[in-house]
PDB file of N, CA and C in Angstrom:
ATOM      1  N   MET A   1     106.869  63.966  64.994  1.00  0.00           N
ATOM      2  CA  MET A   1     108.102  63.253  64.270  1.00  0.00           C
ATOM      3  C   MET A   1     109.385  62.549  65.282  1.00  0.00           C
ATOM      4  N   ALA A   2     109.092  61.244  64.764  1.00  0.00           N
ATOM      5  CA  ALA A   2     110.105  60.550  66.038  1.00  0.00           C
ATOM      6  C   ALA A   2     111.681  61.429  65.578  1.00  0.00           C
ATOM      7  N   ARG A   3     112.419  61.173  66.482  1.00  0.00           N
ATOM      8  CA  ARG A   3     113.768  62.001  66.239  1.00  0.00           C
ATOM      9  C   ARG A   3     114.413  61.265  65.567  1.00  0.00           C
ATOM     10  N   HIS A   4     114.426  59.899  64.925  1.00  0.00           N
ATOM     11  CA  HIS A   4     115.583  59.505  63.962  1.00  0.00           C
ATOM     12  C   HIS A   4     114.662  59.550  62.937  1.00  0.00           C
ATOM     13  N   TRP A   5     113.880  59.988  62.767  1.00  0.00           N
ATOM     14  CA  TRP A   5     113.774  60.084  61.111  1.00  0.00           C
ATOM     15  C   TRP A   5     113.913  61.645  61.015  1.00  0.00           C
ATOM     16  N   ARG A   6     113.978  62.499  61.909  1.00  0.00           N
ATOM     17  CA  ARG A   6     114.310  64.075  61.675  1.00  0.00           C
ATOM     18  C   ARG A   6     116.271  63.703  61.258  1.00  0.00           C
ATOM     19  N   TRP A   7     116.675  63.178  62.424  1.00  0.00           N
ATOM     20  CA  TRP A   7     118.007  62.677  61.689  1.00  0.00           C
ATOM     21  C   TRP A   7     118.433  62.226  60.407  1.00  0.00           C
ATOM     22  N   PHE A   8     117.223  61.324  59.990  1.00  0.00           N
ATOM     23  CA  PHE A   8     117.616  60.315  58.662  1.00  0.00           C
ATOM     24  C   PHE A   8     117.341  61.806  57.427  1.00  0.00           C
ATOM     25  N   PHE A   9     116.565  62.311  57.552  1.00  0.00           N
ATOM     26  CA  PHE A   9     115.592  63.352  56.314  1.00  0.00           C
ATOM     27  C   PHE A   9     117.591  64.909  56.766  1.00  0.00           C
ATOM     28  N   TRP A  10     117.834  65.177  57.928  1.00  0.00           N
ATOM     29  CA  TRP A  10     118.826  66.052  57.692  1.00  0.00           C
ATOM     30  C   TRP A  10     120.271  65.089  57.097  1.00  0.00           C
ATOM     31  N   GLY A  11     120.532  64.008  56.952  1.00  0.00           N
ATOM     32  CA  GLY A  11     121.608  63.148  56.397  1.00  0.00           C
ATOM     33  C   GLY A  11     120.813  63.078  54.670  1.00  0.00           C
ATOM     34  N   VAL A  12     119.969  62.507  54.605  1.00  0.00           N
ATOM     35  CA  VAL A  12     119.497  63.041  52.917  1.00  0.00           C
ATOM     36  C   VAL A  12     119.772  64.510  52.227  1.00  0.00           C
ATOM     37  N   GLY A  13     119.239  65.353  53.300  1.00  0.00           N
ATOM     38  CA  GLY A  13     119.048  66.241  52.978  1.00  0.00           C
ATOM     39  C   GLY A  13     120.801  67.250  52.688  1.00  0.00           C
ATOM     40  N   ALA A  14     121.678  66.549  53.274  1.00  0.00           N
ATOM     41  CA  ALA A  14     123.341  66.879  53.358  1.00  0.00           C
ATOM     42  C   ALA A  14     124.095  66.110  51.971  1.00  0.00           C
ATOM     43  N   ALA A  15     123.663  65.357  51.970  1.00  0.00           N
ATOM     44  CA  ALA A  15     123.888  64.436  51.310  1.00  0.00           C
ATOM     45  C   ALA A  15     123.172  64.834  49.636  1.00  0.00           C
ATOM     46  N   LEU A  16     122.492  65.359  50.037  1.00  0.00           N
ATOM     47  CA  LEU A  16     122.176  65.551  48.234  1.00  0.00           C
ATOM     48  C   LEU A  16     122.560  67.192  47.892  1.00  0.00           C
ATOM     49  N   ALA A  17     122.919  67.778  49.144  1.00  0.00           N
ATOM     50  CA  ALA A  17     123.257  69.220  49.180  1.00  0.00           C
ATOM     51  C   ALA A  17     124.964  68.981  48.545  1.00  0.00           C
ATOM     52  N   ALA A  18     125.162  67.354  48.768  1.00  0.00           N
ATOM     53  CA  ALA A  18     126.622  67.650  48.423  1.00  0.00           C
ATOM     54  C   ALA A  18     126.842  67.240  47.133  1.00  0.00           C
ATOM     55  N   ALA A  19     126.454  66.156  46.799  1.00  0.00           N
ATOM     56  CA  ALA A  19     125.927  65.715  45.164  1.00  0.00           C
ATOM     57  C   ALA A  19     125.764  67.484  44.604  1.00  0.00           C
ATOM     58  N   LEU A  20     124.738  67.499  44.870  1.00  0.00           N
ATOM     59  CA  LEU A  20     124.577  68.984  44.042  1.00  0.00           C
ATOM     60  C   LEU A  20     125.948  70.115  43.600  1.00  0.00           C
ATOM     61  N   LEU A  21     126.856  70.013  45.052  1.00  0.00           N
ATOM     62  CA  LEU A  21     127.856  70.978  45.112  1.00  0.00           C
ATOM     63  C   LEU A  21     129.080  70.602  44.442  1.00  0.00           C
ATOM     64  N   VAL A  22     128.872  68.986  44.570  1.00  0.00           N
ATOM     65  CA  VAL A  22     129.961  68.434  43.503  1.00  0.00           C
ATOM     66  C   VAL A  22     129.615  68.607  42.241  1.00  0.00           C
ATOM     67  N   LEU A  23     128.577  68.203  41.435  1.00  0.00           N
ATOM     68  CA  LEU A  23     127.842  68.841  40.094  1.00  0.00           C
ATOM     69  C   LEU A  23     128.135  70.140  39.570  1.00  0.00           C
ATOM     70  N   ILE A  24     128.375  71.075  40.724  1.00  0.00           N
ATOM     71  CA  ILE A  24     128.840  72.215  40.240  1.00  0.00           C
ATOM     72  C   ILE A  24     129.991  72.729  40.072  1.00  0.00           C
ATOM     73  N   PHE A  25     131.022  71.978  41.203  1.00  0.00           N
ATOM     74  CA  PHE A  25     132.204  71.769  40.607  1.00  0.00           C
ATOM     75  C   PHE A  25     133.108  71.700  39.765  1.00  0.00           C
ATOM     76  N   LEU A  26     132.135  69.926  39.463  1.00  0.00           N
ATOM     77  CA  LEU A  26     133.107  69.287  37.721  1.00  0.00           C
ATOM     78  C   LEU A  26     132.334  70.035  36.718  1.00  0.00           C
ATOM     79  N   GLY A  27     130.765  70.760  36.920  1.00  0.00           N
ATOM     80  CA  GLY A  27     130.706  71.713  36.119  1.00  0.00           C
ATOM     81  C   GLY A  27     131.755  73.065  36.168  1.00  0.00           C
ATOM     82  N   TYR A  28     132.400  73.689  36.534  1.00  0.00           N
ATOM     83  CA  TYR A  28     133.070  74.580  36.346  1.00  0.00           C
ATOM     84  C   TYR A  28     134.739  73.982  36.243  1.00  0.00           C
ATOM     85  N   GLN A  29     134.502  73.007  36.583  1.00  0.00           N
ATOM     86  CA  GLN A  29     136.256  72.493  36.263  1.00  0.00           C
ATOM     87  C   GLN A  29     136.607  71.969  35.080  1.00  0.00           C
ATOM     88  N   ALA A  30     135.581  70.732  34.748  1.00  0.00           N
ATOM     89  CA  ALA A  30     135.322  69.653  33.496  1.00  0.00           C
ATOM     90  C   ALA A  30     134.134  69.753  32.635  1.00  0.00           C
ATOM     91  N   PRO A  31     133.612  71.099  32.352  1.00  0.00           N
ATOM     92  CA  PRO A  31     132.077  70.644  31.187  1.00  0.00           C
ATOM     93  C   PRO A  31     132.066  69.942  30.601  1.00  0.00           C
ATOM     94  N   GLU A  32     133.328  69.100  29.992  1.00  0.00           N
ATOM     95  CA  GLU A  32     132.997  68.260  28.836  1.00  0.00           C
ATOM     96  C   GLU A  32     132.584  67.194  29.452  1.00  0.00           C
ATOM     97  N   LEU A  33     132.862  66.852  30.500  1.00  0.00           N
ATOM     98  CA  LEU A  33     132.422  64.966  31.450  1.00  0.00           C
ATOM     99  C   LEU A  33     131.190  65.391  31.327  1.00  0.00           C
ATOM    100  N   LEU A  34     130.432  66.429  32.253  1.00  0.00           N
ATOM    101  CA  LEU A  34     128.984  66.386  32.168  1.00  0.00           C
ATOM    102  C   LEU A  34     128.370  66.376  31.002  1.00  0.00           C
ATOM    103  N   LEU A  35     128.594  67.150  29.540  1.00  0.00           N
ATOM    104  CA  LEU A  35     128.535  67.543  28.988  1.00  0.00           C
ATOM    105  C   LEU A  35     128.439  65.854  27.828  1.00  0.00           C
ATOM    106  N   ASP A  36     129.237  65.126  27.990  1.00  0.00           N
ATOM    107  CA  ASP A  36     129.299  63.918  27.855  1.00  0.00           C
ATOM    108  C   ASP A  36     128.387  62.744  28.663  1.00  0.00           C
ATOM    109  N   LEU A  37     128.023  63.072  29.631  1.00  0.00           N
ATOM    110  CA  LEU A  37     127.323  61.792  30.209  1.00  0.00           C
ATOM    111  C   LEU A  37     125.855  62.460  30.319  1.00  0.00           C
ATOM    112  N   ALA A  38     125.902  63.555  29.638  1.00  0.00           N
ATOM    113  CA  ALA A  38     124.338  64.131  29.067  1.00  0.00           C
ATOM    114  C   ALA A  38     124.022  63.536  27.570  1.00  0.00           C
ATOM    115  N   ASN A  39     125.545  63.346  26.488  1.00  0.00           N
ATOM    116  CA  ASN A  39     125.468  62.763  25.702  1.00  0.00           C
ATOM    117  C   ASN A  39     124.353  60.912  25.320  1.00  0.00           C
ATOM    118  N   LEU A  40     125.338  60.387  26.188  1.00  0.00           N
ATOM    119  CA  LEU A  40     125.502  58.913  26.545  1.00  0.00           C
ATOM    120  C   LEU A  40     123.791  59.149  27.084  1.00  0.00           C
ATOM    121  N   ARG A  41     123.811  59.937  27.828  1.00  0.00           N
ATOM    122  CA  ARG A  41     121.948  59.430  28.596  1.00  0.00           C
ATOM    123  C   ARG A  41     120.729  59.255  27.558  1.00  0.00           C
ATOM    124  N   TYR A  42     121.114  60.731  25.964  1.00  0.00           N
ATOM    125  CA  TYR A  42     119.946  60.539  25.718  1.00  0.00           C
ATOM    126  C   TYR A  42     120.215  60.366  24.028  1.00  0.00           C
ATOM    127  N   CYS A  43     121.594  59.878  24.176  1.00  0.00           N
ATOM    128  CA  CYS A  43     121.713  59.498  22.900  1.00  0.00           C
ATOM    129  C   CYS A  43     121.830  57.789  23.077  1.00  0.00           C
ATOM    130  N   GLY A  44     121.950  56.813  24.006  1.00  0.00           N
ATOM    131  CA  GLY A  44     122.719  55.554  24.428  1.00  0.00           C
ATOM    132  C   GLY A  44     121.070  55.253  25.619  1.00  0.00           C
TER     133      GLY A  44
END
């Protein structure tokens, strides 16, 4: 595998991990925000 592809996948993995951590943090700090988002997605 080319070296730049390995770095690209590491970057994508790090970004996904960071997004997951933010979602977990928001879920603990402000669960009503995530509930509102889910409501809009299902009802809208």
